[in-house]
Structures are given as C-alpha cells and as structure tokens.
C-alpha cells in the first residue's frame, strides 16, 4: 500500500506507529471509509483518508485524530457547530473545514480543504475569529505528533 500524500513522512510515521502510543492504532478498512463517505455525502480529505487507511487514527497527543467510528458522531456534530459559528462570526465563504480530531479542552482540529492548513476551531471562543492555525499542512501536524510519540518512547527507555 502506498500513499502519495504521506510519502514525505512515511519513515517517521512508520517509526511513530511502532511506539507504545502507536501500537494500539488499527488501520481502517476501505469499506468503513466508503460507508462513512456515502452516509454523510462527503469525501474525506486525501491525506487524512490515507492516514486512516494505512495507519489508523492517531492518539499521540493533542489533537487526537478521529477514527471512522468517531467521525460518525463527530462529523455531524461539527457541521452543526460550524453552522452556529458562521451565524456568530464573519467567516470567509472560502473556508471548507473538515473535522479530523479533538483537543482535550474541547476545541476541534479541522483540515481546511482549500488551503491544506490544519486549524483549531476554538471551543467557546469570545474573540473576533474562532480559528487558529495549528500547522501549515496535514503532514506538518503529523510530523509534530509523530516526533512527540517517538520522544515519549525514547524517554521510557
């Protein structure tokens, strides 16, 4: 199995998913992903989809990335939340966010499909713009999470 979007960080991911934090992660089946996409009439962003297919959800730290099972409840909840945020804030019509995970304090990690950036939709935000950039792209987020898992593993030795 090869994933072009993840290829630049494949060695790092392979190493991270062999750590204590990564060993319990189970790759998703193509059928589970297709079923989710059909049920919700949405396509998963390619890099996130490939991560789920080849490695499984990532629980190396904050944010913890959703599995397909978690997406089944998280996606509809996000859509509802995002519509509420759009009423309250002057959000660009160009925003095309997809929820990929959650932060411990309740914020949502989203992959902005147009720019490729990973953003945090801040829980109970009270400022001017409820999104904050977490990483310039999905692979950047995965590099940070994988390096964290590897660092923790090395500290355990």
Protein backbone atom coordinates (compact mmCIF):
# COMPACT_ATOMS: atom_id res chain seq x y z
CA UNK A 1 0.00 0.00 0.00
CA UNK A 2 1.33 3.40 -0.93
CA UNK A 3 0.06 6.82 -0.03
CA UNK A 4 1.40 9.68 -2.09
CA UNK A 5 0.27 12.42 0.33
CA UNK A 6 2.06 10.74 3.26
CA UNK A 7 5.16 9.63 1.33
CA UNK A 8 7.40 12.50 2.53
CA UNK A 9 6.88 11.47 6.16
CA UNK A 10 6.39 7.70 5.77
CA UNK A 11 9.58 6.71 7.62
CA UNK A 12 8.69 8.98 10.53
CA UNK A 13 5.12 7.61 10.65
CA UNK A 14 6.35 4.02 10.48
CA UNK A 15 8.57 4.70 13.47
CA UNK A 16 5.88 6.55 15.45
CA UNK A 17 3.25 3.86 14.90
CA UNK A 18 5.70 1.30 16.34
CA UNK A 19 5.87 3.16 19.65
CA UNK A 20 3.75 2.26 22.67
CA UNK A 21 1.41 5.10 21.72
CA UNK A 22 1.06 3.87 18.14
CA UNK A 23 0.83 0.10 18.51
CA UNK A 24 -2.83 0.14 19.51
CA UNK A 25 -3.82 2.08 16.37
CA UNK A 26 -5.63 -0.03 13.81
CA UNK A 27 -5.88 0.85 10.11
CA UNK A 28 -9.40 1.47 8.86
CA UNK A 29 -10.88 -0.63 6.09
CA UNK A 30 -11.59 0.94 2.74
CA UNK A 31 -15.18 -0.22 3.15
CA UNK A 32 -15.60 1.56 6.50
CA UNK A 33 -14.36 4.80 4.95
CA UNK A 34 -16.55 4.42 1.86
CA UNK A 35 -19.57 3.68 4.06
CA UNK A 36 -18.91 6.83 6.11
CA UNK A 37 -18.48 8.94 2.97
CA UNK A 38 -21.72 7.64 1.48
CA UNK A 39 -23.67 8.01 4.72
CA UNK A 40 -22.62 11.63 5.17
CA UNK A 41 -22.29 12.53 1.47
CA UNK A 42 -18.74 13.79 1.94
CA UNK A 43 -15.23 12.85 0.85
CA UNK A 44 -12.52 12.64 3.48
CA UNK A 45 -9.52 14.84 2.70
CA UNK A 46 -6.95 12.67 0.89
CA UNK A 47 -4.07 12.87 3.36
CA UNK A 48 -6.32 12.18 6.37
CA UNK A 49 -8.06 9.37 4.48
CA UNK A 50 -4.70 7.79 3.67
CA UNK A 51 -3.55 8.05 7.28
CA UNK A 52 -6.69 6.21 8.41
CA UNK A 53 -6.26 3.54 5.72
CA UNK A 54 -2.57 2.84 6.25
CA UNK A 55 -2.04 3.58 9.94
CA UNK A 56 -5.33 4.26 11.71
CA UNK A 57 -6.39 7.10 13.96
CA UNK A 58 -3.60 8.92 15.75
CA UNK A 59 -3.76 9.32 19.52
CA UNK A 60 -0.20 10.53 20.07
CA UNK A 61 -1.25 13.76 21.75
CA UNK A 62 -3.27 16.89 21.12
CA UNK A 63 -5.11 16.76 18.87
CA UNK A 64 -6.19 13.14 18.92
CA UNK A 65 -7.30 12.30 15.39
CA UNK A 66 -10.66 10.65 14.88
CA UNK A 67 -11.22 7.10 13.71
CA UNK A 68 -14.06 6.46 11.26
CA UNK A 69 -16.22 5.29 14.16
CA UNK A 70 -15.57 8.56 15.99
CA UNK A 71 -16.18 10.56 12.82
CA UNK A 72 -19.64 9.03 12.61
CA UNK A 73 -20.73 11.19 15.56
CA UNK A 74 -18.09 13.94 15.34
CA UNK A 75 -18.77 14.93 11.74
CA UNK A 76 -22.50 15.71 12.15
CA UNK A 77 -21.77 17.48 15.47
CA UNK A 78 -19.08 19.57 13.75
CA UNK A 79 -21.37 20.53 10.87
CA UNK A 80 -23.97 21.76 13.37
CA UNK A 81 -21.36 23.64 15.43
CA UNK A 82 -19.79 25.19 12.35
CA UNK A 83 -23.18 26.49 11.16
CA UNK A 84 -23.64 28.15 14.57
CA UNK A 85 -20.17 29.73 14.35
CA UNK A 86 -20.99 31.05 10.86
CA UNK A 87 -24.02 32.87 12.30
CA UNK A 88 -21.93 34.42 15.05
CA UNK A 89 -18.70 35.27 13.20
CA UNK A 90 -17.85 36.80 9.85
CA UNK A 91 -16.21 33.68 8.42
CA UNK A 92 -14.93 33.58 4.86
CA UNK A 93 -17.12 31.75 2.37
CA UNK A 94 -13.89 30.18 1.09
CA UNK A 95 -13.45 28.20 4.31
CA UNK A 96 -14.01 24.50 3.72
CA UNK A 97 -13.16 22.82 7.03
CA UNK A 98 -13.36 19.11 7.76
CA UNK A 99 -13.07 17.83 11.36
CA UNK A 100 -10.16 15.47 11.88
CA UNK A 101 -9.75 15.37 15.64
CA UNK A 102 -10.25 16.89 19.03
CA UNK A 103 -8.23 18.73 21.61
CA UNK A 104 -8.51 17.86 25.29
CA UNK A 105 -10.18 21.13 26.20
CA UNK A 106 -13.00 20.70 23.67
CA UNK A 107 -11.68 22.50 20.60
CA UNK A 108 -11.87 20.77 17.21
CA UNK A 109 -8.97 20.11 14.84
CA UNK A 110 -10.01 20.74 11.25
CA UNK A 111 -8.29 20.31 7.94
CA UNK A 112 -9.11 23.32 5.78
CA UNK A 113 -9.55 21.66 2.40
CA UNK A 114 -8.86 24.72 0.26
CA UNK A 115 -5.59 25.83 1.86
CA UNK A 116 -4.48 22.48 3.32
CA UNK A 117 -3.86 24.12 6.70
CA UNK A 118 -4.75 22.42 9.97
CA UNK A 119 -6.78 24.75 12.14
CA UNK A 120 -8.26 24.67 15.61
CA UNK A 121 -11.89 25.70 15.96
CA UNK A 122 -11.62 27.11 19.46
CA UNK A 123 -14.25 25.90 21.91
CA UNK A 124 -16.31 28.73 23.45
CA UNK A 125 -14.28 31.40 21.67
CA UNK A 126 -15.02 35.02 22.56
CA UNK A 127 -12.77 36.93 20.14
CA UNK A 128 -13.01 38.04 16.52
CA UNK A 129 -12.05 34.83 14.70
CA UNK A 130 -12.60 31.37 16.20
CA UNK A 131 -9.94 29.60 14.10
CA UNK A 132 -6.25 29.38 14.96
CA UNK A 133 -3.62 27.76 12.74
CA UNK A 134 -2.06 24.63 14.23
CA UNK A 135 0.06 23.50 11.27
CA UNK A 136 0.67 24.74 7.72
CA UNK A 137 -0.45 21.37 6.31
CA UNK A 138 -1.54 17.89 7.40
CA UNK A 139 1.94 16.40 7.10
CA UNK A 140 3.25 19.18 9.34
CA UNK A 141 0.75 18.20 12.02
CA UNK A 142 1.65 14.53 11.64
CA UNK A 143 5.36 15.33 11.89
CA UNK A 144 4.77 17.10 15.23
CA UNK A 145 2.60 14.29 16.58
CA UNK A 146 4.93 11.53 15.38
CA UNK A 147 8.02 13.23 16.78
CA UNK A 148 6.21 13.60 20.10
CA UNK A 149 5.36 9.87 20.19
CA UNK A 150 8.95 8.94 19.34
CA UNK A 151 10.29 11.32 22.01
CA UNK A 152 7.99 9.79 24.65
CA UNK A 153 9.11 6.30 23.62
CA UNK A 154 12.77 7.29 23.97
CA UNK A 155 12.11 8.76 27.43
CA UNK A 156 10.60 5.47 28.53
CA UNK A 157 13.85 3.56 27.81
